[in-house]
PDB file of N, CA and C in Angstrom:
ATOM      1  N   MET A   1     -15.416   6.852   2.698  1.00  0.00           N
ATOM      2  CA  MET A   1     -14.120   6.279   2.366  1.00  0.00           C
ATOM      3  C   MET A   1     -13.986   6.252   0.844  1.00  0.00           C
ATOM      4  N   PRO A   2     -12.972   6.910   0.314  1.00  0.00           N
ATOM      5  CA  PRO A   2     -12.789   6.890  -1.147  1.00  0.00           C
ATOM      6  C   PRO A   2     -12.310   5.513  -1.622  1.00  0.00           C
ATOM      7  N   GLU A   3     -12.618   5.220  -2.859  1.00  0.00           N
ATOM      8  CA  GLU A   3     -12.163   3.956  -3.426  1.00  0.00           C
ATOM      9  C   GLU A   3     -10.678   4.054  -3.749  1.00  0.00           C
ATOM     10  N   LEU A   4      -9.962   2.965  -3.516  1.00  0.00           N
ATOM     11  CA  LEU A   4      -8.532   2.920  -3.789  1.00  0.00           C
ATOM     12  C   LEU A   4      -8.266   2.014  -4.990  1.00  0.00           C
ATOM     13  N   TYR A   5      -7.363   2.464  -5.839  1.00  0.00           N
ATOM     14  CA  TYR A   5      -6.940   1.700  -7.004  1.00  0.00           C
ATOM     15  C   TYR A   5      -5.424   1.615  -6.997  1.00  0.00           C
ATOM     16  N   TRP A   6      -4.860   0.637  -7.698  1.00  0.00           N
ATOM     17  CA  TRP A   6      -3.420   0.421  -7.688  1.00  0.00           C
ATOM     18  C   TRP A   6      -2.632   1.690  -8.010  1.00  0.00           C
ATOM     19  N   GLU A   7      -3.139   2.534  -8.873  1.00  0.00           N
ATOM     20  CA  GLU A   7      -2.409   3.730  -9.285  1.00  0.00           C
ATOM     21  C   GLU A   7      -2.421   4.826  -8.225  1.00  0.00           C
ATOM     22  N   ALA A   8      -3.229   4.686  -7.194  1.00  0.00           N
ATOM     23  CA  ALA A   8      -3.337   5.703  -6.135  1.00  0.00           C
ATOM     24  C   ALA A   8      -2.242   5.474  -5.089  1.00  0.00           C
ATOM     25  N   THR A   9      -1.007   5.573  -5.531  1.00  0.00           N
ATOM     26  CA  THR A   9       0.150   5.234  -4.704  1.00  0.00           C
ATOM     27  C   THR A   9       0.147   5.970  -3.373  1.00  0.00           C
ATOM     28  N   TYR A  10      -0.003   7.284  -3.415  1.00  0.00           N
ATOM     29  CA  TYR A  10       0.056   8.065  -2.179  1.00  0.00           C
ATOM     30  C   TYR A  10      -1.118   7.739  -1.258  1.00  0.00           C
ATOM     31  N   ALA A  11      -2.306   7.651  -1.809  1.00  0.00           N
ATOM     32  CA  ALA A  11      -3.489   7.349  -0.988  1.00  0.00           C
ATOM     33  C   ALA A  11      -3.368   5.974  -0.342  1.00  0.00           C
ATOM     34  N   ILE A  12      -2.823   5.006  -1.064  1.00  0.00           N
ATOM     35  CA  ILE A  12      -2.621   3.676  -0.492  1.00  0.00           C
ATOM     36  C   ILE A  12      -1.582   3.734   0.616  1.00  0.00           C
ATOM     37  N   ALA A  13      -0.495   4.471   0.401  1.00  0.00           N
ATOM     38  CA  ALA A  13       0.545   4.590   1.430  1.00  0.00           C
ATOM     39  C   ALA A  13      -0.018   5.197   2.708  1.00  0.00           C
ATOM     40  N   VAL A  14      -0.821   6.227   2.588  1.00  0.00           N
ATOM     41  CA  VAL A  14      -1.440   6.851   3.757  1.00  0.00           C
ATOM     42  C   VAL A  14      -2.369   5.871   4.453  1.00  0.00           C
ATOM     43  N   ALA A  15      -3.149   5.135   3.682  1.00  0.00           N
ATOM     44  CA  ALA A  15      -4.057   4.135   4.269  1.00  0.00           C
ATOM     45  C   ALA A  15      -3.267   3.043   4.982  1.00  0.00           C
ATOM     46  N   LEU A  16      -2.129   2.647   4.435  1.00  0.00           N
ATOM     47  CA  LEU A  16      -1.296   1.637   5.087  1.00  0.00           C
ATOM     48  C   LEU A  16      -0.774   2.147   6.427  1.00  0.00           C
ATOM     49  N   ILE A  17      -0.370   3.397   6.471  1.00  0.00           N
ATOM     50  CA  ILE A  17       0.105   3.995   7.728  1.00  0.00           C
ATOM     51  C   ILE A  17      -1.015   4.005   8.760  1.00  0.00           C
ATOM     52  N   GLN A  18      -2.220   4.345   8.325  1.00  0.00           N
ATOM     53  CA  GLN A  18      -3.352   4.435   9.241  1.00  0.00           C
ATOM     54  C   GLN A  18      -3.815   3.061   9.725  1.00  0.00           C
ATOM     55  N   HIS A  19      -3.873   2.093   8.829  1.00  0.00           N
ATOM     56  CA  HIS A  19      -4.461   0.793   9.158  1.00  0.00           C
ATOM     57  C   HIS A  19      -3.448  -0.247   9.631  1.00  0.00           C
ATOM     58  N   PHE A  20      -2.186  -0.020   9.341  1.00  0.00           N
ATOM     59  CA  PHE A  20      -1.145  -0.970   9.746  1.00  0.00           C
ATOM     60  C   PHE A  20       0.025  -0.222  10.394  1.00  0.00           C
ATOM     61  N   PRO A  21      -0.240   0.502  11.484  1.00  0.00           N
ATOM     62  CA  PRO A  21       0.805   1.329  12.090  1.00  0.00           C
ATOM     63  C   PRO A  21       1.973   0.523  12.656  1.00  0.00           C
ATOM     64  N   ASP A  22       1.761  -0.741  12.951  1.00  0.00           N
ATOM     65  CA  ASP A  22       2.829  -1.562  13.521  1.00  0.00           C
ATOM     66  C   ASP A  22       3.681  -2.254  12.459  1.00  0.00           C
ATOM     67  N   HIS A  23       3.310  -2.116  11.207  1.00  0.00           N
ATOM     68  CA  HIS A  23       4.084  -2.737  10.127  1.00  0.00           C
ATOM     69  C   HIS A  23       5.215  -1.804   9.702  1.00  0.00           C
ATOM     70  N   ASN A  24       6.396  -2.366   9.549  1.00  0.00           N
ATOM     71  CA  ASN A  24       7.535  -1.628   9.026  1.00  0.00           C
ATOM     72  C   ASN A  24       7.595  -1.888   7.525  1.00  0.00           C
ATOM     73  N   PRO A  25       7.507  -0.848   6.694  1.00  0.00           N
ATOM     74  CA  PRO A  25       7.511  -1.055   5.246  1.00  0.00           C
ATOM     75  C   PRO A  25       8.719  -1.851   4.752  1.00  0.00           C
ATOM     76  N   GLU A  26       9.840  -1.735   5.440  1.00  0.00           N
ATOM     77  CA  GLU A  26      11.053  -2.449   5.021  1.00  0.00           C
ATOM     78  C   GLU A  26      10.955  -3.953   5.267  1.00  0.00           C
ATOM     79  N   ASP A  27      10.068  -4.355   6.162  1.00  0.00           N
ATOM     80  CA  ASP A  27       9.943  -5.767   6.527  1.00  0.00           C
ATOM     81  C   ASP A  27       8.811  -6.487   5.801  1.00  0.00           C
ATOM     82  N   VAL A  28       8.089  -5.777   4.965  1.00  0.00           N
ATOM     83  CA  VAL A  28       6.936  -6.356   4.272  1.00  0.00           C
ATOM     84  C   VAL A  28       7.355  -6.759   2.859  1.00  0.00           C
ATOM     85  N   GLY A  29       7.198  -8.031   2.548  1.00  0.00           N
ATOM     86  CA  GLY A  29       7.493  -8.512   1.201  1.00  0.00           C
ATOM     87  C   GLY A  29       6.397  -8.106   0.229  1.00  0.00           C
ATOM     88  N   LEU A  30       6.679  -8.260  -1.043  1.00  0.00           N
ATOM     89  CA  LEU A  30       5.725  -7.799  -2.054  1.00  0.00           C
ATOM     90  C   LEU A  30       4.431  -8.600  -2.057  1.00  0.00           C
ATOM     91  N   VAL A  31       4.503  -9.896  -1.798  1.00  0.00           N
ATOM     92  CA  VAL A  31       3.276 -10.707  -1.752  1.00  0.00           C
ATOM     93  C   VAL A  31       2.411 -10.259  -0.577  1.00  0.00           C
ATOM     94  N   GLU A  32       3.034 -10.093   0.586  1.00  0.00           N
ATOM     95  CA  GLU A  32       2.291  -9.622   1.753  1.00  0.00           C
ATOM     96  C   GLU A  32       1.744  -8.224   1.515  1.00  0.00           C
ATOM     97  N   LEU A  33       2.545  -7.364   0.885  1.00  0.00           N
ATOM     98  CA  LEU A  33       2.098  -6.001   0.603  1.00  0.00           C
ATOM     99  C   LEU A  33       0.844  -6.017  -0.264  1.00  0.00           C
ATOM    100  N   ALA A  34       0.850  -6.822  -1.301  1.00  0.00           N
ATOM    101  CA  ALA A  34      -0.333  -6.921  -2.166  1.00  0.00           C
ATOM    102  C   ALA A  34      -1.548  -7.373  -1.371  1.00  0.00           C
ATOM    103  N   GLN A  35      -1.339  -8.323  -0.469  1.00  0.00           N
ATOM    104  CA  GLN A  35      -2.455  -8.845   0.331  1.00  0.00           C
ATOM    105  C   GLN A  35      -3.009  -7.785   1.282  1.00  0.00           C
ATOM    106  N   ILE A  36      -2.124  -7.040   1.952  1.00  0.00           N
ATOM    107  CA  ILE A  36      -2.646  -6.058   2.901  1.00  0.00           C
ATOM    108  C   ILE A  36      -3.276  -4.865   2.183  1.00  0.00           C
ATOM    109  N   ILE A  37      -2.765  -4.531   1.012  1.00  0.00           N
ATOM    110  CA  ILE A  37      -3.401  -3.454   0.232  1.00  0.00           C
ATOM    111  C   ILE A  37      -4.820  -3.873  -0.145  1.00  0.00           C
ATOM    112  N   GLN A  38      -4.971  -5.102  -0.592  1.00  0.00           N
ATOM    113  CA  GLN A  38      -6.289  -5.582  -0.991  1.00  0.00           C
ATOM    114  C   GLN A  38      -7.249  -5.670   0.184  1.00  0.00           C
ATOM    115  N   SER A  39      -6.721  -5.735   1.403  1.00  0.00           N
ATOM    116  CA  SER A  39      -7.585  -5.786   2.581  1.00  0.00           C
ATOM    117  C   SER A  39      -7.980  -4.404   3.095  1.00  0.00           C
ATOM    118  N   LEU A  40      -7.405  -3.365   2.513  1.00  0.00           N
ATOM    119  CA  LEU A  40      -7.727  -2.005   2.967  1.00  0.00           C
ATOM    120  C   LEU A  40      -9.186  -1.663   2.665  1.00  0.00           C
ATOM    121  N   PRO A  41      -9.837  -0.960   3.600  1.00  0.00           N
ATOM    122  CA  PRO A  41     -11.195  -0.492   3.317  1.00  0.00           C
ATOM    123  C   PRO A  41     -11.174   0.427   2.092  1.00  0.00           C
ATOM    124  N   GLY A  42     -12.057   0.193   1.183  1.00  0.00           N
ATOM    125  CA  GLY A  42     -12.154   1.043   0.001  1.00  0.00           C
ATOM    126  C   GLY A  42     -11.337   0.557  -1.185  1.00  0.00           C
ATOM    127  N   PHE A  43     -10.526  -0.491  -0.992  1.00  0.00           N
ATOM    128  CA  PHE A  43      -9.757  -0.985  -2.137  1.00  0.00           C
ATOM    129  C   PHE A  43     -10.716  -1.646  -3.113  1.00  0.00           C
ATOM    130  N   SER A  44     -10.684  -1.193  -4.375  1.00  0.00           N
ATOM    131  CA  SER A  44     -11.683  -1.648  -5.345  1.00  0.00           C
ATOM    132  C   SER A  44     -11.099  -2.040  -6.692  1.00  0.00           C
ATOM    133  N   ASP A  45      -9.812  -2.365  -6.746  1.00  0.00           N
ATOM    134  CA  ASP A  45      -9.200  -2.657  -8.036  1.00  0.00           C
ATOM    135  C   ASP A  45      -9.054  -4.163  -8.243  1.00  0.00           C
ATOM    136  N   ASP A  46      -8.776  -4.525  -9.457  1.00  0.00           N
ATOM    137  CA  ASP A  46      -8.591  -5.927  -9.837  1.00  0.00           C
ATOM    138  C   ASP A  46      -7.214  -6.392  -9.358  1.00  0.00           C
ATOM    139  N   PRO A  47      -7.144  -7.399  -8.505  1.00  0.00           N
ATOM    140  CA  PRO A  47      -5.849  -7.898  -8.023  1.00  0.00           C
ATOM    141  C   PRO A  47      -4.921  -8.352  -9.151  1.00  0.00           C
ATOM    142  N   GLY A  48      -5.477  -8.739 -10.256  1.00  0.00           N
ATOM    143  CA  GLY A  48      -4.677  -9.203 -11.383  1.00  0.00           C
ATOM    144  C   GLY A  48      -3.947  -8.099 -12.127  1.00  0.00           C
ATOM    145  N   LEU A  49      -4.262  -6.857 -11.830  1.00  0.00           N
ATOM    146  CA  LEU A  49      -3.636  -5.733 -12.527  1.00  0.00           C
ATOM    147  C   LEU A  49      -2.345  -5.256 -11.883  1.00  0.00           C
ATOM    148  N   VAL A  50      -2.051  -5.731 -10.684  1.00  0.00           N
ATOM    149  CA  VAL A  50      -0.875  -5.243  -9.976  1.00  0.00           C
ATOM    150  C   VAL A  50       0.400  -5.794 -10.614  1.00  0.00           C
ATOM    151  N   THR A  51       1.431  -4.944 -10.606  1.00  0.00           N
ATOM    152  CA  THR A  51       2.750  -5.354 -11.091  1.00  0.00           C
ATOM    153  C   THR A  51       3.763  -5.169  -9.975  1.00  0.00           C
ATOM    154  N   LYS A  52       4.911  -5.766 -10.150  1.00  0.00           N
ATOM    155  CA  LYS A  52       5.988  -5.609  -9.174  1.00  0.00           C
ATOM    156  C   LYS A  52       6.345  -4.138  -9.026  1.00  0.00           C
ATOM    157  N   GLN A  53       6.393  -3.408 -10.132  1.00  0.00           N
ATOM    158  CA  GLN A  53       6.763  -1.993 -10.073  1.00  0.00           C
ATOM    159  C   GLN A  53       5.744  -1.172  -9.296  1.00  0.00           C
ATOM    160  N   ILE A  54       4.471  -1.452  -9.458  1.00  0.00           N
ATOM    161  CA  ILE A  54       3.441  -0.745  -8.693  1.00  0.00           C
ATOM    162  C   ILE A  54       3.653  -0.983  -7.203  1.00  0.00           C
ATOM    163  N   LEU A  55       3.898  -2.238  -6.835  1.00  0.00           N
ATOM    164  CA  LEU A  55       4.108  -2.556  -5.419  1.00  0.00           C
ATOM    165  C   LEU A  55       5.360  -1.882  -4.876  1.00  0.00           C
ATOM    166  N   LEU A  56       6.426  -1.868  -5.660  1.00  0.00           N
ATOM    167  CA  LEU A  56       7.655  -1.200  -5.223  1.00  0.00           C
ATOM    168  C   LEU A  56       7.438   0.304  -5.053  1.00  0.00           C
ATOM    169  N   ASP A  57       6.675   0.897  -5.955  1.00  0.00           N
ATOM    170  CA  ASP A  57       6.374   2.334  -5.844  1.00  0.00           C
ATOM    171  C   ASP A  57       5.565   2.623  -4.578  1.00  0.00           C
ATOM    172  N   ILE A  58       4.567   1.803  -4.310  1.00  0.00           N
ATOM    173  CA  ILE A  58       3.753   1.976  -3.101  1.00  0.00           C
ATOM    174  C   ILE A  58       4.619   1.800  -1.863  1.00  0.00           C
ATOM    175  N   GLN A  59       5.451   0.779  -1.856  1.00  0.00           N
ATOM    176  CA  GLN A  59       6.303   0.517  -0.699  1.00  0.00           C
ATOM    177  C   GLN A  59       7.277   1.678  -0.450  1.00  0.00           C
ATOM    178  N   THR A  60       7.801   2.251  -1.511  1.00  0.00           N
ATOM    179  CA  THR A  60       8.717   3.386  -1.383  1.00  0.00           C
ATOM    180  C   THR A  60       8.017   4.587  -0.769  1.00  0.00           C
ATOM    181  N   VAL A  61       6.840   4.914  -1.270  1.00  0.00           N
ATOM    182  CA  VAL A  61       6.089   6.055  -0.727  1.00  0.00           C
ATOM    183  C   VAL A  61       5.674   5.773   0.706  1.00  0.00           C
ATOM    184  N   TRP A  62       5.251   4.566   0.990  1.00  0.00           N
ATOM    185  CA  TRP A  62       4.884   4.173   2.356  1.00  0.00           C
ATOM    186  C   TRP A  62       6.070   4.389   3.281  1.00  0.00           C
ATOM    187  N   TYR A  63       7.236   3.925   2.883  1.00  0.00           N
ATOM    188  CA  TYR A  63       8.443   4.093   3.708  1.00  0.00           C
ATOM    189  C   TYR A  63       8.756   5.571   3.911  1.00  0.00           C
ATOM    190  N   GLU A  64       8.728   6.346   2.823  1.00  0.00           N
ATOM    191  CA  GLU A  64       9.051   7.776   2.919  1.00  0.00           C
ATOM    192  C   GLU A  64       8.081   8.505   3.834  1.00  0.00           C
ATOM    193  N   GLU A  65       6.805   8.203   3.709  1.00  0.00           N
ATOM    194  CA  GLU A  65       5.806   8.862   4.544  1.00  0.00           C
ATOM    195  C   GLU A  65       5.891   8.401   5.993  1.00  0.00           C
ATOM    196  N   ALA A  66       6.114   7.123   6.203  1.00  0.00           N
ATOM    197  CA  ALA A  66       6.177   6.593   7.566  1.00  0.00           C
ATOM    198  C   ALA A  66       7.402   7.104   8.324  1.00  0.00           C
ATOM    199  N   THR A  67       8.499   7.303   7.631  1.00  0.00           N
ATOM    200  CA  THR A  67       9.716   7.756   8.302  1.00  0.00           C
ATOM    201  C   THR A  67       9.780   9.268   8.449  1.00  0.00           C
ATOM    202  N   SER A  68       8.888   9.974   7.776  1.00  0.00           N
ATOM    203  CA  SER A  68       8.883  11.434   7.899  1.00  0.00           C
ATOM    204  C   SER A  68       7.951  11.924   8.994  1.00  0.00           C
ATOM    205  N   LEU A  69       7.231  11.004   9.640  1.00  0.00           N
ATOM    206  CA  LEU A  69       6.292  11.377  10.698  1.00  0.00           C
ATOM    207  C   LEU A  69       7.017  11.743  11.969  1.00  0.00           C
TER     208      LEU A  69
END
């Protein structure tokens, strides 16, 4: 399992699809999103480094990837 960092937007989005298939990206708030990202296997970044923009970028890619399946 590769290590995940906040900047790995696409890799995190794919991991979210795999590990949280029942979650709808549109229904997940930013606080919850940060929490579930940090719970992903391989997540190894400092929780204090995340910004609102990083979370919004991840959520956007997650939505785009989840709806294109």
